[in-house]
Amino acid sequence: MATVELTFSALPAHVRTARLVATAIARRTGVEESLLDEVRLAVGEACSRAVEAHRLHCPGEPIRIELRDDLGRFEVTVTDSAPSDELEQEQASLRFEDPLVQLPDTLMSGFGIAVIVGLADDVQVYPSQKGMRIRMSWPATANGLSAV
């Protein structure tokens, strides 16, 4: 089992880099070519959600990505440091009586997780006061990252 770790500042431009790195490593671990777009989109969605959360709550803190080859699975974990309970409280206080009201960006984070669930083979979401961790995985060949 090999692990690659990447941290980046909460800037939207770094999301593209994270997608490119994840796709390249997924290819090297043996993820089927037909799934690489799903890996790229899911990682981009998770990183975009983390960037927005950090920009609102902790812009100076880095976002962390861990990419692993684990027993025939390619696993990506995106971890942010924005307190999840504050985001949830903001969402819970919204009223949708006026259909013309613009939805705040914090509400959109839940939609991003729904997109990730549709793209990844297995998704686990761990919200906490210290941040949110989104773990995604796809099937890969047994070769692993040993060739990287």
N, C-alpha and C. Protein backbone atom coordinates (compact mmCIF):
# COMPACT_ATOMS: atom_id res chain seq x y z
N MET A 1 0.84 -1.17 0.00
CA MET A 1 0.00 0.00 0.00
C MET A 1 0.90 1.24 0.00
N ALA A 2 0.68 2.11 -0.98
CA ALA A 2 1.43 3.35 -1.07
C ALA A 2 0.48 4.53 -0.91
N THR A 3 1.00 5.63 -0.37
CA THR A 3 0.20 6.83 -0.14
C THR A 3 0.91 8.04 -0.69
N VAL A 4 0.13 8.92 -1.33
CA VAL A 4 0.62 10.22 -1.78
C VAL A 4 -0.21 11.26 -1.05
N GLU A 5 0.45 12.25 -0.44
CA GLU A 5 -0.26 13.32 0.24
C GLU A 5 0.02 14.64 -0.45
N LEU A 6 -1.01 15.47 -0.52
CA LEU A 6 -0.92 16.77 -1.17
C LEU A 6 -1.68 17.76 -0.31
N THR A 7 -1.08 18.93 -0.06
CA THR A 7 -1.81 20.00 0.61
C THR A 7 -1.76 21.22 -0.29
N PHE A 8 -2.83 22.01 -0.25
CA PHE A 8 -2.86 23.23 -1.06
C PHE A 8 -3.67 24.32 -0.37
N SER A 9 -3.37 25.56 -0.75
CA SER A 9 -4.09 26.72 -0.23
C SER A 9 -5.51 26.74 -0.77
N ALA A 10 -6.39 27.41 -0.05
CA ALA A 10 -7.80 27.47 -0.43
C ALA A 10 -8.02 28.45 -1.57
N LEU A 11 -7.46 28.11 -2.72
CA LEU A 11 -7.63 28.91 -3.93
C LEU A 11 -8.24 28.04 -5.02
N PRO A 12 -9.26 28.54 -5.72
CA PRO A 12 -9.90 27.74 -6.76
C PRO A 12 -8.93 27.22 -7.83
N ALA A 13 -7.87 27.95 -8.12
CA ALA A 13 -6.92 27.52 -9.15
C ALA A 13 -6.23 26.21 -8.77
N HIS A 14 -6.12 25.92 -7.48
CA HIS A 14 -5.45 24.69 -7.05
C HIS A 14 -6.32 23.45 -7.21
N VAL A 15 -7.61 23.63 -7.40
CA VAL A 15 -8.51 22.50 -7.60
C VAL A 15 -8.13 21.76 -8.88
N ARG A 16 -7.80 22.49 -9.91
CA ARG A 16 -7.39 21.87 -11.18
C ARG A 16 -6.17 21.00 -10.98
N THR A 17 -5.19 21.48 -10.25
CA THR A 17 -3.98 20.70 -9.97
C THR A 17 -4.33 19.42 -9.22
N ALA A 18 -5.19 19.51 -8.23
CA ALA A 18 -5.60 18.34 -7.47
C ALA A 18 -6.28 17.31 -8.37
N ARG A 19 -7.13 17.78 -9.29
CA ARG A 19 -7.80 16.86 -10.23
C ARG A 19 -6.79 16.16 -11.12
N LEU A 20 -5.82 16.92 -11.63
CA LEU A 20 -4.81 16.34 -12.51
C LEU A 20 -3.96 15.30 -11.79
N VAL A 21 -3.54 15.60 -10.57
CA VAL A 21 -2.73 14.66 -9.79
C VAL A 21 -3.54 13.40 -9.50
N ALA A 22 -4.79 13.55 -9.07
CA ALA A 22 -5.62 12.39 -8.75
C ALA A 22 -5.84 11.51 -9.97
N THR A 23 -6.08 12.11 -11.11
CA THR A 23 -6.31 11.34 -12.33
C THR A 23 -5.04 10.60 -12.75
N ALA A 24 -3.90 11.25 -12.67
CA ALA A 24 -2.64 10.59 -13.03
C ALA A 24 -2.34 9.41 -12.11
N ILE A 25 -2.56 9.58 -10.82
CA ILE A 25 -2.30 8.48 -9.88
C ILE A 25 -3.33 7.36 -10.06
N ALA A 26 -4.57 7.73 -10.31
CA ALA A 26 -5.60 6.71 -10.56
C ALA A 26 -5.22 5.85 -11.76
N ARG A 27 -4.74 6.48 -12.80
CA ARG A 27 -4.31 5.75 -14.00
C ARG A 27 -3.17 4.79 -13.64
N ARG A 28 -2.21 5.26 -12.85
CA ARG A 28 -1.06 4.43 -12.47
C ARG A 28 -1.45 3.27 -11.55
N THR A 29 -2.51 3.43 -10.77
CA THR A 29 -2.94 2.36 -9.86
C THR A 29 -3.79 1.32 -10.57
N GLY A 30 -4.18 1.59 -11.80
CA GLY A 30 -4.95 0.62 -12.55
C GLY A 30 -6.44 0.85 -12.58
N VAL A 31 -6.89 2.06 -12.27
CA VAL A 31 -8.31 2.38 -12.41
C VAL A 31 -8.63 2.35 -13.90
N GLU A 32 -9.74 1.73 -14.25
CA GLU A 32 -10.13 1.61 -15.66
C GLU A 32 -10.23 2.99 -16.30
N GLU A 33 -9.83 3.05 -17.55
CA GLU A 33 -9.86 4.30 -18.30
C GLU A 33 -11.25 4.92 -18.31
N SER A 34 -12.28 4.08 -18.36
CA SER A 34 -13.66 4.58 -18.40
C SER A 34 -14.08 5.26 -17.09
N LEU A 35 -13.35 5.03 -16.00
CA LEU A 35 -13.69 5.64 -14.71
C LEU A 35 -12.87 6.90 -14.40
N LEU A 36 -11.87 7.20 -15.20
CA LEU A 36 -10.98 8.32 -14.89
C LEU A 36 -11.70 9.67 -14.89
N ASP A 37 -12.67 9.86 -15.78
CA ASP A 37 -13.44 11.11 -15.75
C ASP A 37 -14.23 11.23 -14.45
N GLU A 38 -14.75 10.11 -13.96
CA GLU A 38 -15.49 10.14 -12.70
C GLU A 38 -14.57 10.49 -11.53
N VAL A 39 -13.35 9.94 -11.55
CA VAL A 39 -12.36 10.28 -10.52
C VAL A 39 -12.07 11.77 -10.56
N ARG A 40 -11.80 12.28 -11.75
CA ARG A 40 -11.46 13.70 -11.92
C ARG A 40 -12.60 14.60 -11.43
N LEU A 41 -13.83 14.28 -11.82
CA LEU A 41 -14.96 15.11 -11.43
C LEU A 41 -15.25 15.02 -9.93
N ALA A 42 -15.19 13.83 -9.35
CA ALA A 42 -15.46 13.67 -7.92
C ALA A 42 -14.41 14.40 -7.08
N VAL A 43 -13.14 14.25 -7.44
CA VAL A 43 -12.08 14.93 -6.70
C VAL A 43 -12.23 16.45 -6.85
N GLY A 44 -12.56 16.90 -8.04
CA GLY A 44 -12.77 18.33 -8.26
C GLY A 44 -13.93 18.87 -7.43
N GLU A 45 -14.99 18.10 -7.33
CA GLU A 45 -16.16 18.51 -6.55
C GLU A 45 -15.81 18.57 -5.06
N ALA A 46 -15.12 17.55 -4.56
CA ALA A 46 -14.74 17.53 -3.14
C ALA A 46 -13.78 18.67 -2.81
N CYS A 47 -12.83 18.92 -3.70
CA CYS A 47 -11.87 20.00 -3.46
C CYS A 47 -12.52 21.37 -3.58
N SER A 48 -13.43 21.55 -4.51
CA SER A 48 -14.15 22.82 -4.65
C SER A 48 -14.98 23.11 -3.40
N ARG A 49 -15.65 22.08 -2.87
CA ARG A 49 -16.41 22.24 -1.64
C ARG A 49 -15.50 22.65 -0.49
N ALA A 50 -14.33 22.01 -0.40
CA ALA A 50 -13.38 22.34 0.67
C ALA A 50 -12.84 23.76 0.52
N VAL A 51 -12.55 24.18 -0.71
CA VAL A 51 -12.05 25.54 -0.95
C VAL A 51 -13.08 26.56 -0.51
N GLU A 52 -14.34 26.36 -0.87
CA GLU A 52 -15.38 27.31 -0.47
C GLU A 52 -15.55 27.36 1.05
N ALA A 53 -15.51 26.19 1.69
CA ALA A 53 -15.64 26.16 3.15
C ALA A 53 -14.47 26.88 3.81
N HIS A 54 -13.27 26.68 3.29
CA HIS A 54 -12.09 27.35 3.86
C HIS A 54 -12.14 28.85 3.63
N ARG A 55 -12.58 29.26 2.47
CA ARG A 55 -12.64 30.70 2.18
C ARG A 55 -13.61 31.41 3.12
N LEU A 56 -14.65 30.70 3.56
CA LEU A 56 -15.62 31.29 4.49
C LEU A 56 -15.13 31.27 5.93
N HIS A 57 -14.44 30.20 6.34
CA HIS A 57 -14.17 29.98 7.76
C HIS A 57 -12.70 29.98 8.17
N CYS A 58 -11.81 29.59 7.29
CA CYS A 58 -10.39 29.49 7.69
C CYS A 58 -9.49 29.59 6.45
N PRO A 59 -9.46 30.76 5.81
CA PRO A 59 -8.74 30.91 4.54
C PRO A 59 -7.24 30.64 4.62
N GLY A 60 -6.64 30.74 5.78
CA GLY A 60 -5.21 30.51 5.90
C GLY A 60 -4.81 29.06 6.08
N GLU A 61 -5.78 28.18 6.31
CA GLU A 61 -5.49 26.76 6.55
C GLU A 61 -5.43 26.00 5.23
N PRO A 62 -4.51 25.04 5.11
CA PRO A 62 -4.43 24.26 3.87
C PRO A 62 -5.48 23.15 3.82
N ILE A 63 -5.80 22.73 2.63
CA ILE A 63 -6.67 21.59 2.37
C ILE A 63 -5.75 20.40 2.11
N ARG A 64 -6.12 19.25 2.61
CA ARG A 64 -5.26 18.06 2.51
C ARG A 64 -5.95 16.99 1.67
N ILE A 65 -5.17 16.37 0.77
CA ILE A 65 -5.65 15.25 -0.03
C ILE A 65 -4.70 14.09 0.19
N GLU A 66 -5.27 12.94 0.41
CA GLU A 66 -4.50 11.70 0.54
C GLU A 66 -4.98 10.74 -0.55
N LEU A 67 -4.04 10.22 -1.34
CA LEU A 67 -4.36 9.29 -2.42
C LEU A 67 -3.66 7.97 -2.10
N ARG A 68 -4.44 6.87 -2.07
CA ARG A 68 -3.89 5.59 -1.65
C ARG A 68 -4.30 4.46 -2.57
N ASP A 69 -3.43 3.49 -2.65
CA ASP A 69 -3.72 2.23 -3.30
C ASP A 69 -3.90 1.23 -2.17
N ASP A 70 -5.12 0.75 -1.98
CA ASP A 70 -5.40 -0.10 -0.82
C ASP A 70 -6.17 -1.35 -1.24
N LEU A 71 -5.47 -2.48 -1.32
CA LEU A 71 -6.09 -3.77 -1.60
C LEU A 71 -7.03 -3.75 -2.80
N GLY A 72 -6.51 -3.34 -3.94
CA GLY A 72 -7.32 -3.34 -5.16
C GLY A 72 -8.28 -2.18 -5.28
N ARG A 73 -8.12 -1.14 -4.48
CA ARG A 73 -8.96 0.06 -4.53
C ARG A 73 -8.07 1.29 -4.63
N PHE A 74 -8.51 2.25 -5.40
CA PHE A 74 -7.86 3.57 -5.42
C PHE A 74 -8.72 4.45 -4.53
N GLU A 75 -8.12 5.01 -3.49
CA GLU A 75 -8.86 5.77 -2.49
C GLU A 75 -8.34 7.20 -2.41
N VAL A 76 -9.25 8.16 -2.40
CA VAL A 76 -8.92 9.57 -2.26
C VAL A 76 -9.68 10.11 -1.06
N THR A 77 -8.94 10.78 -0.16
CA THR A 77 -9.57 11.42 0.99
C THR A 77 -9.25 12.91 0.95
N VAL A 78 -10.28 13.74 0.92
CA VAL A 78 -10.12 15.20 0.93
C VAL A 78 -10.55 15.67 2.31
N THR A 79 -9.64 16.37 3.00
CA THR A 79 -9.90 16.82 4.37
C THR A 79 -9.79 18.33 4.44
N ASP A 80 -10.80 18.97 5.01
CA ASP A 80 -10.73 20.42 5.22
C ASP A 80 -10.77 20.71 6.72
N SER A 81 -10.53 21.95 7.07
CA SER A 81 -10.49 22.37 8.48
C SER A 81 -11.64 23.28 8.85
N ALA A 82 -12.63 23.43 7.98
CA ALA A 82 -13.78 24.30 8.26
C ALA A 82 -14.77 23.55 9.13
N PRO A 83 -15.20 24.13 10.24
CA PRO A 83 -16.13 23.44 11.14
C PRO A 83 -17.44 23.10 10.44
N SER A 84 -17.74 21.84 10.32
CA SER A 84 -18.94 21.39 9.61
C SER A 84 -20.22 21.80 10.31
N ASP A 85 -20.21 21.84 11.65
CA ASP A 85 -21.44 22.15 12.35
C ASP A 85 -21.89 23.59 12.07
N GLU A 86 -20.98 24.53 11.85
CA GLU A 86 -21.37 25.91 11.52
C GLU A 86 -22.06 25.94 10.17
N LEU A 87 -21.54 25.21 9.20
CA LEU A 87 -22.17 25.16 7.88
C LEU A 87 -23.57 24.58 7.99
N GLU A 88 -23.70 23.50 8.76
CA GLU A 88 -25.00 22.88 8.91
C GLU A 88 -25.98 23.80 9.61
N GLN A 89 -25.53 24.58 10.60
CA GLN A 89 -26.41 25.52 11.29
C GLN A 89 -26.88 26.61 10.34
N GLU A 90 -25.98 27.10 9.49
CA GLU A 90 -26.38 28.12 8.52
C GLU A 90 -27.44 27.56 7.58
N GLN A 91 -27.26 26.32 7.12
CA GLN A 91 -28.22 25.72 6.21
C GLN A 91 -29.56 25.50 6.90
N ALA A 92 -29.52 25.06 8.16
CA ALA A 92 -30.76 24.78 8.89
C ALA A 92 -31.58 26.04 9.15
N SER A 93 -30.93 27.20 9.20
CA SER A 93 -31.65 28.44 9.50
C SER A 93 -32.29 29.08 8.26
N LEU A 94 -32.07 28.52 7.09
CA LEU A 94 -32.61 29.10 5.86
C LEU A 94 -34.11 28.86 5.74
N ARG A 95 -34.82 29.81 5.16
CA ARG A 95 -36.24 29.67 4.86
C ARG A 95 -36.38 29.80 3.35
N PHE A 96 -37.18 28.91 2.75
CA PHE A 96 -37.33 28.91 1.29
C PHE A 96 -38.73 29.37 0.88
N GLU A 97 -39.24 30.39 1.55
CA GLU A 97 -40.57 30.87 1.24
C GLU A 97 -40.61 31.64 -0.07
N ASP A 98 -39.54 32.33 -0.41
CA ASP A 98 -39.49 33.12 -1.64
C ASP A 98 -38.63 32.38 -2.66
N PRO A 99 -39.23 31.86 -3.75
CA PRO A 99 -38.46 31.09 -4.73
C PRO A 99 -37.43 31.93 -5.48
N LEU A 100 -37.52 33.24 -5.40
CA LEU A 100 -36.57 34.10 -6.11
C LEU A 100 -35.34 34.44 -5.28
N VAL A 101 -35.31 33.99 -4.01
CA VAL A 101 -34.17 34.27 -3.14
C VAL A 101 -32.97 33.46 -3.63
N GLN A 102 -31.83 34.12 -3.73
CA GLN A 102 -30.59 33.46 -4.15
C GLN A 102 -30.09 32.54 -3.03
N LEU A 103 -29.82 31.28 -3.36
CA LEU A 103 -29.31 30.35 -2.37
C LEU A 103 -27.86 30.67 -2.06
N PRO A 104 -27.47 30.66 -0.79
CA PRO A 104 -26.07 30.92 -0.44
C PRO A 104 -25.19 29.74 -0.83
N ASP A 105 -23.89 30.03 -1.01
CA ASP A 105 -22.94 29.00 -1.41
C ASP A 105 -22.85 27.87 -0.40
N THR A 106 -23.08 28.16 0.89
CA THR A 106 -22.96 27.10 1.90
C THR A 106 -23.96 25.99 1.65
N LEU A 107 -25.15 26.32 1.14
CA LEU A 107 -26.14 25.30 0.87
C LEU A 107 -25.68 24.40 -0.27
N MET A 108 -24.96 24.95 -1.21
CA MET A 108 -24.53 24.20 -2.37
C MET A 108 -23.56 23.08 -2.00
N SER A 109 -22.90 23.14 -0.84
CA SER A 109 -21.96 22.08 -0.47
C SER A 109 -22.65 20.73 -0.36
N GLY A 110 -23.89 20.70 0.09
CA GLY A 110 -24.64 19.45 0.17
C GLY A 110 -24.92 18.87 -1.20
N PHE A 111 -25.16 19.72 -2.18
CA PHE A 111 -25.37 19.24 -3.53
C PHE A 111 -24.08 18.65 -4.10
N GLY A 112 -22.94 19.24 -3.75
CA GLY A 112 -21.65 18.71 -4.20
C GLY A 112 -21.41 17.31 -3.70
N ILE A 113 -21.79 17.05 -2.46
CA ILE A 113 -21.62 15.71 -1.90
C ILE A 113 -22.52 14.71 -2.63
N ALA A 114 -23.72 15.14 -3.00
CA ALA A 114 -24.61 14.26 -3.76
C ALA A 114 -24.00 13.92 -5.12
N VAL A 115 -23.35 14.88 -5.74
CA VAL A 115 -22.68 14.62 -7.03
C VAL A 115 -21.55 13.61 -6.83
N ILE A 116 -20.77 13.78 -5.77
CA ILE A 116 -19.66 12.87 -5.48
C ILE A 116 -20.18 11.44 -5.30
N VAL A 117 -21.28 11.29 -4.57
CA VAL A 117 -21.86 9.97 -4.34
C VAL A 117 -22.23 9.31 -5.67
N GLY A 118 -22.67 10.11 -6.63
CA GLY A 118 -23.03 9.58 -7.94
C GLY A 118 -21.83 9.21 -8.80
N LEU A 119 -20.66 9.75 -8.48
CA LEU A 119 -19.47 9.53 -9.30
C LEU A 119 -18.54 8.45 -8.76
N ALA A 120 -18.44 8.33 -7.46
CA ALA A 120 -17.50 7.39 -6.85
C ALA A 120 -18.17 6.06 -6.55
N ASP A 121 -17.38 5.01 -6.55
CA ASP A 121 -17.88 3.67 -6.28
C ASP A 121 -18.29 3.53 -4.81
N ASP A 122 -17.53 4.16 -3.92
CA ASP A 122 -17.82 4.12 -2.48
C ASP A 122 -17.48 5.49 -1.91
N VAL A 123 -18.37 6.06 -1.11
CA VAL A 123 -18.15 7.39 -0.52
C VAL A 123 -18.50 7.33 0.96
N GLN A 124 -17.63 7.93 1.77
CA GLN A 124 -17.90 8.09 3.19
C GLN A 124 -17.61 9.54 3.55
N VAL A 125 -18.52 10.16 4.28
CA VAL A 125 -18.39 11.56 4.67
C VAL A 125 -18.35 11.62 6.19
N TYR A 126 -17.32 12.30 6.72
CA TYR A 126 -17.12 12.41 8.16
C TYR A 126 -17.08 13.89 8.56
N PRO A 127 -18.24 14.50 8.90
CA PRO A 127 -18.22 15.89 9.36
C PRO A 127 -17.87 15.95 10.85
N SER A 128 -17.19 17.01 11.25
CA SER A 128 -16.88 17.22 12.65
C SER A 128 -16.65 18.70 12.91
N GLN A 129 -16.45 19.06 14.17
CA GLN A 129 -16.16 20.46 14.50
C GLN A 129 -14.80 20.87 13.98
N LYS A 130 -13.93 19.93 13.69
CA LYS A 130 -12.59 20.24 13.20
C LYS A 130 -12.50 20.22 11.68
N GLY A 131 -13.60 19.95 11.00
CA GLY A 131 -13.59 19.93 9.55
C GLY A 131 -14.35 18.74 8.99
N MET A 132 -14.28 18.59 7.69
CA MET A 132 -14.97 17.49 7.03
C MET A 132 -13.96 16.65 6.25
N ARG A 133 -14.18 15.35 6.29
CA ARG A 133 -13.33 14.43 5.55
C ARG A 133 -14.24 13.66 4.61
N ILE A 134 -13.93 13.69 3.31
CA ILE A 134 -14.69 12.95 2.31
C ILE A 134 -13.76 11.90 1.73
N ARG A 135 -14.13 10.64 1.91
CA ARG A 135 -13.34 9.52 1.40
C ARG A 135 -14.08 8.89 0.23
N MET A 136 -13.41 8.78 -0.91
CA MET A 136 -13.98 8.22 -2.13
C MET A 136 -13.08 7.09 -2.60
N SER A 137 -13.65 6.07 -3.22
CA SER A 137 -12.79 5.02 -3.77
C SER A 137 -13.40 4.40 -5.02
N TRP A 138 -12.51 3.80 -5.81
CA TRP A 138 -12.85 3.14 -7.07
C TRP A 138 -12.05 1.85 -7.15
N PRO A 139 -12.54 0.86 -7.92
CA PRO A 139 -11.77 -0.37 -8.08
C PRO A 139 -10.52 -0.10 -8.92
N ALA A 140 -9.43 -0.82 -8.57
CA ALA A 140 -8.17 -0.69 -9.30
C ALA A 140 -7.52 -2.07 -9.37
N THR A 141 -6.57 -2.23 -10.25
CA THR A 141 -5.86 -3.50 -10.34
C THR A 141 -4.96 -3.65 -9.13
N ALA A 142 -4.46 -4.84 -8.92
CA ALA A 142 -3.64 -5.13 -7.74
C ALA A 142 -2.22 -4.57 -7.85
N ASN A 143 -1.86 -3.96 -8.97
CA ASN A 143 -0.50 -3.44 -9.17
C ASN A 143 -0.12 -2.45 -8.10
N GLY A 144 -1.01 -1.52 -7.81
CA GLY A 144 -0.74 -0.51 -6.78
C GLY A 144 0.15 0.61 -7.26
N LEU A 145 0.49 1.48 -6.33
CA LEU A 145 1.34 2.64 -6.61
C LEU A 145 2.82 2.29 -6.58
N SER A 146 3.16 1.05 -6.47
CA SER A 146 4.57 0.68 -6.35
C SER A 146 5.40 1.12 -7.55
N ALA A 147 4.76 1.33 -8.69
CA ALA A 147 5.48 1.74 -9.88
C ALA A 147 5.70 3.25 -9.93
N VAL A 148 5.03 4.00 -9.03
CA VAL A 148 5.15 5.47 -9.06
C VAL A 148 6.48 5.91 -8.52
